[in-house]
């Protein structure tokens, strides 16, 4: 099992030391390294990440403030030169807290914890049903993938429509799309992502989900036909 990870630290020297440890660990795949929380926030919109090695003291946004604005947080291993943040770090459900300078042995112990937690999450998903967590109205809510009907763009937010309710979530469409399992959803319009299992019928202009009609972009019809013929079970 390999975890996709990123390194966030405003010090190039500190980033390099973590990158070397990552590159020598068989369970880690380095996706990117960032020198600020703002750069990280933008980067996470385009990459699917399982684990962040996160410095705390950074300009503009510190590590904690970064986590406060993320909708779907990967596992976090804090990396810092100070010990006084440890208690607060675990209030953020950190997987581990590494104090600089970091030994290879201590680093490997932290990674082992992250791998084990990832395995538990996968096992839990298989047992309970695949799901995601979204933040809506200041609360984290569990949403089962099978219950999602479609996702609709609302400016800086998205509206998540399920079998039971609708939730408004602070996210871009691109970032939310990255959280969804491949082969089960398709962005059929700039403002709509639809659950392929929920489609009842479609024509050249619309997709019908129950009594609702959702616009279908002209250039997406062929992709929709292919996707429906290859739905992931």
Protein backbone atom coordinates (compact mmCIF):
# COMPACT_ATOMS: atom_id res chain seq x y z
CA UNK A 1 0.00 0.00 0.00
CA UNK A 2 1.29 3.43 -1.01
CA UNK A 3 0.10 6.78 0.35
CA UNK A 4 0.20 9.88 -1.84
CA UNK A 5 1.74 12.67 0.22
CA UNK A 6 2.83 16.31 0.12
CA UNK A 7 5.31 18.32 2.19
CA UNK A 8 4.41 21.80 3.42
CA UNK A 9 7.16 23.95 4.95
CA UNK A 10 8.34 27.50 4.25
CA UNK A 11 11.96 26.39 4.74
CA UNK A 12 13.54 24.85 1.63
CA UNK A 13 16.14 23.06 3.77
CA UNK A 14 13.50 21.49 6.01
CA UNK A 15 11.43 20.43 2.99
CA UNK A 16 14.47 18.77 1.47
CA UNK A 17 15.14 16.74 4.62
CA UNK A 18 11.54 15.44 4.66
CA UNK A 19 11.56 14.78 0.90
CA UNK A 20 14.66 12.59 1.25
CA UNK A 21 12.98 10.53 3.96
CA UNK A 22 9.85 10.16 1.83
CA UNK A 23 11.77 9.11 -1.26
CA UNK A 24 13.47 6.34 0.73
CA UNK A 25 10.21 4.98 2.17
CA UNK A 26 8.43 2.26 0.13
CA UNK A 27 4.95 3.21 1.40
CA UNK A 28 5.10 6.86 0.33
CA UNK A 29 4.66 8.56 -3.03
CA UNK A 30 5.59 12.25 -3.09
CA UNK A 31 3.04 14.25 -5.11
CA UNK A 32 4.28 17.78 -4.43
CA UNK A 33 6.06 20.09 -2.01
CA UNK A 34 4.77 23.53 -1.04
CA UNK A 35 6.38 26.52 0.68
CA UNK A 36 3.15 28.05 2.05
CA UNK A 37 -0.30 27.14 3.28
CA UNK A 38 -1.93 29.19 0.52
CA UNK A 39 0.02 27.33 -2.15
CA UNK A 40 -1.00 24.06 -0.50
CA UNK A 41 -4.69 24.96 -0.45
CA UNK A 42 -4.62 25.58 -4.20
CA UNK A 43 -2.57 22.45 -4.87
CA UNK A 44 -4.94 20.17 -3.00
CA UNK A 45 -7.68 21.18 -5.42
CA UNK A 46 -5.83 19.37 -8.19
CA UNK A 47 -4.21 16.41 -6.41
CA UNK A 48 -5.68 13.52 -4.46
CA UNK A 49 -3.58 13.35 -1.29
CA UNK A 50 -3.65 10.80 1.53
CA UNK A 51 -1.10 12.41 3.86
CA UNK A 52 0.37 15.86 4.54
CA UNK A 53 3.66 16.48 6.33
CA UNK A 54 2.77 19.90 7.69
CA UNK A 55 4.86 22.62 9.31
CA UNK A 56 2.96 24.81 11.78
CA UNK A 57 4.72 28.18 11.80
CA UNK A 58 4.37 29.70 8.33
CA UNK A 59 3.63 33.24 7.09
CA UNK A 60 0.09 34.45 6.24
CA UNK A 61 -1.60 31.14 7.16
CA UNK A 62 -0.06 28.76 9.68
CA UNK A 63 -0.58 25.01 9.61
CA UNK A 64 -3.61 25.06 11.90
CA UNK A 65 -5.28 27.83 9.90
CA UNK A 66 -4.74 25.81 6.72
CA UNK A 67 -6.59 22.85 8.24
CA UNK A 68 -9.43 25.15 9.29
CA UNK A 69 -10.17 26.01 5.65
CA UNK A 70 -9.88 22.51 4.17
CA UNK A 71 -13.17 20.72 3.57
CA UNK A 72 -11.78 17.21 3.24
CA UNK A 73 -8.62 16.73 5.25
CA UNK A 74 -6.06 14.04 4.50
CA UNK A 75 -4.11 12.50 7.37
CA UNK A 76 -1.77 15.01 8.98
CA UNK A 77 1.70 14.49 10.40
CA UNK A 78 2.85 17.78 11.92
CA UNK A 79 6.55 18.58 11.57
CA UNK A 80 7.80 21.42 13.77
CA UNK A 81 10.76 22.64 15.73
CA UNK A 82 8.64 23.43 18.81
CA UNK A 83 6.95 21.12 21.28
CA UNK A 84 4.32 23.51 22.66
CA UNK A 85 1.95 22.86 19.77
CA UNK A 86 1.65 19.13 20.45
CA UNK A 87 -1.60 19.27 22.45
CA UNK A 88 -3.31 21.50 19.90
CA UNK A 89 -2.07 19.28 17.08
CA UNK A 90 -3.89 16.26 18.45
CA UNK A 91 -7.06 18.33 18.78
CA UNK A 92 -6.83 18.43 14.99
CA UNK A 93 -6.79 14.60 14.89
CA UNK A 94 -3.16 14.52 13.83
CA UNK A 95 -1.77 11.09 13.02
CA UNK A 96 1.54 12.06 14.61
CA UNK A 97 3.71 14.98 15.69
CA UNK A 98 7.37 15.03 14.66
CA UNK A 99 9.84 17.30 16.36
CA UNK A 100 12.78 18.61 14.31
CA UNK A 101 15.43 17.35 13.75
CA UNK A 102 13.75 14.08 12.72
CA UNK A 103 15.46 10.72 12.86
CA UNK A 104 14.70 8.08 10.24
CA UNK A 105 13.45 5.72 12.94
CA UNK A 106 10.97 8.26 14.32
CA UNK A 107 9.85 9.18 10.81
CA UNK A 108 9.21 5.54 9.92
CA UNK A 109 7.17 5.07 13.10
CA UNK A 110 4.93 7.98 12.12
CA UNK A 111 4.49 6.65 8.60
CA UNK A 112 3.60 3.19 9.96
CA UNK A 113 0.79 4.84 11.94
CA UNK A 114 -0.48 6.61 8.82
CA UNK A 115 -0.44 3.41 6.77
CA UNK A 116 -2.30 1.53 9.49
CA UNK A 117 -4.96 4.25 9.76
CA UNK A 118 -5.38 4.24 5.99
CA UNK A 119 -5.90 0.47 6.01
CA UNK A 120 -8.48 0.78 8.79
CA UNK A 121 -10.31 3.45 6.81
CA UNK A 122 -10.43 1.24 3.72
CA UNK A 123 -11.65 -1.74 5.73
CA UNK A 124 -14.28 0.44 7.41
CA UNK A 125 -15.50 1.74 4.06
CA UNK A 126 -15.88 -1.79 2.72
CA UNK A 127 -17.86 -2.85 5.79
CA UNK A 128 -20.10 0.18 6.25
CA UNK A 129 -20.44 1.41 2.68
CA UNK A 130 -18.34 3.88 0.74
CA UNK A 131 -18.78 7.41 2.01
CA UNK A 132 -17.23 10.87 2.30
CA UNK A 133 -17.35 13.54 4.99
CA UNK A 134 -18.46 17.05 4.07
CA UNK A 135 -18.62 20.22 6.14
CA UNK A 136 -22.01 21.94 5.96
CA UNK A 137 -23.41 24.53 8.38
CA UNK A 138 -20.24 24.23 10.49
CA UNK A 139 -20.82 20.50 11.03
CA UNK A 140 -19.12 17.49 9.50
CA UNK A 141 -21.63 15.15 7.92
CA UNK A 142 -21.18 11.65 6.58
CA UNK A 143 -22.63 11.15 3.10
CA UNK A 144 -22.86 7.72 1.51
CA UNK A 145 -21.73 7.64 -2.11
CA UNK A 146 -24.71 5.53 -3.16
CA UNK A 147 -27.10 8.24 -1.84
CA UNK A 148 -25.64 11.12 -3.87
CA UNK A 149 -27.82 12.06 -6.86
CA UNK A 150 -25.92 15.03 -8.24
CA UNK A 151 -23.67 17.95 -7.31
CA UNK A 152 -24.45 21.48 -8.48
CA UNK A 153 -22.14 24.53 -8.59
CA UNK A 154 -23.19 27.54 -6.49
CA UNK A 155 -20.43 30.14 -6.86
CA UNK A 156 -17.86 29.44 -4.14
CA UNK A 157 -20.03 26.55 -2.89
CA UNK A 158 -21.50 23.33 -4.23
CA UNK A 159 -24.93 21.88 -3.51
CA UNK A 160 -24.86 18.17 -2.78
CA UNK A 161 -28.23 16.57 -3.55
CA UNK A 162 -28.88 13.17 -1.95
CA UNK A 163 -31.82 10.83 -1.60
CA UNK A 164 -32.79 12.47 1.69
CA UNK A 165 -31.62 16.08 1.65
CA UNK A 166 -29.49 18.82 0.08
CA UNK A 167 -26.27 20.13 1.63
CA UNK A 168 -24.38 23.30 0.77
CA UNK A 169 -20.61 22.81 1.03
CA UNK A 170 -17.78 25.34 0.66
CA UNK A 171 -15.81 23.82 -2.22
CA UNK A 172 -15.03 24.16 -5.89
CA UNK A 173 -16.51 21.66 -8.33
CA UNK A 174 -13.02 20.49 -9.26
CA UNK A 175 -12.04 19.84 -5.64
CA UNK A 176 -15.28 18.02 -4.89
CA UNK A 177 -14.98 15.93 -8.04
CA UNK A 178 -11.58 14.74 -6.85
CA UNK A 179 -13.20 13.31 -3.69
CA UNK A 180 -15.60 11.11 -5.65
CA UNK A 181 -14.78 7.54 -6.72
CA UNK A 182 -13.73 7.14 -10.34
CA UNK A 183 -16.17 5.51 -12.72
CA UNK A 184 -19.29 6.34 -10.69
CA UNK A 185 -19.74 10.05 -11.38
CA UNK A 186 -19.41 12.27 -14.43
CA UNK A 187 -19.28 16.02 -14.86
CA UNK A 188 -21.89 16.43 -17.60
CA UNK A 189 -21.97 20.24 -17.53
CA UNK A 190 -19.77 23.00 -16.11
CA UNK A 191 -22.24 23.28 -13.22
CA UNK A 192 -23.27 19.65 -12.69
CA UNK A 193 -21.74 16.34 -11.66
CA UNK A 194 -24.15 13.39 -11.72
CA UNK A 195 -24.16 9.93 -10.15
CA UNK A 196 -24.28 7.59 -13.15
CA UNK A 197 -26.35 5.05 -11.21
CA UNK A 198 -29.09 7.65 -10.68
CA UNK A 199 -29.65 8.46 -14.37
CA UNK A 200 -33.04 7.24 -15.59
CA UNK A 201 -32.84 8.52 -19.18
CA UNK A 202 -31.16 11.20 -21.28
CA UNK A 203 -31.29 12.93 -24.63
CA UNK A 204 -28.99 15.34 -26.44
CA UNK A 205 -29.81 18.20 -24.07
CA UNK A 206 -30.74 16.80 -20.66
CA UNK A 207 -30.20 13.99 -18.20
CA UNK A 208 -33.17 12.88 -16.12
CA UNK A 209 -32.70 11.87 -12.50
CA UNK A 210 -36.12 10.99 -11.17
CA UNK A 211 -38.38 13.97 -11.86
CA UNK A 212 -35.45 16.37 -12.35
CA UNK A 213 -33.85 17.41 -15.63
CA UNK A 214 -30.16 18.32 -15.53
CA UNK A 215 -28.53 20.08 -18.51
CA UNK A 216 -26.11 18.02 -20.60
CA UNK A 217 -23.32 19.83 -22.42
CA UNK A 218 -23.20 19.01 -26.12
CA UNK A 219 -19.59 17.84 -25.95
CA UNK A 220 -20.32 15.51 -23.01
CA UNK A 221 -22.90 13.22 -24.64
CA UNK A 222 -20.36 10.77 -26.10
CA UNK A 223 -18.46 10.68 -22.82
CA UNK A 224 -21.73 10.02 -20.97
CA UNK A 225 -22.61 7.09 -23.25
CA UNK A 226 -19.15 5.58 -22.71
CA UNK A 227 -19.35 6.12 -18.94
CA UNK A 228 -22.77 4.46 -18.70
CA UNK A 229 -21.45 1.46 -20.61
CA UNK A 230 -18.54 1.13 -18.18
CA UNK A 231 -20.06 1.86 -14.78
CA UNK A 232 -17.82 0.66 -11.96
CA UNK A 233 -19.66 -1.87 -9.82
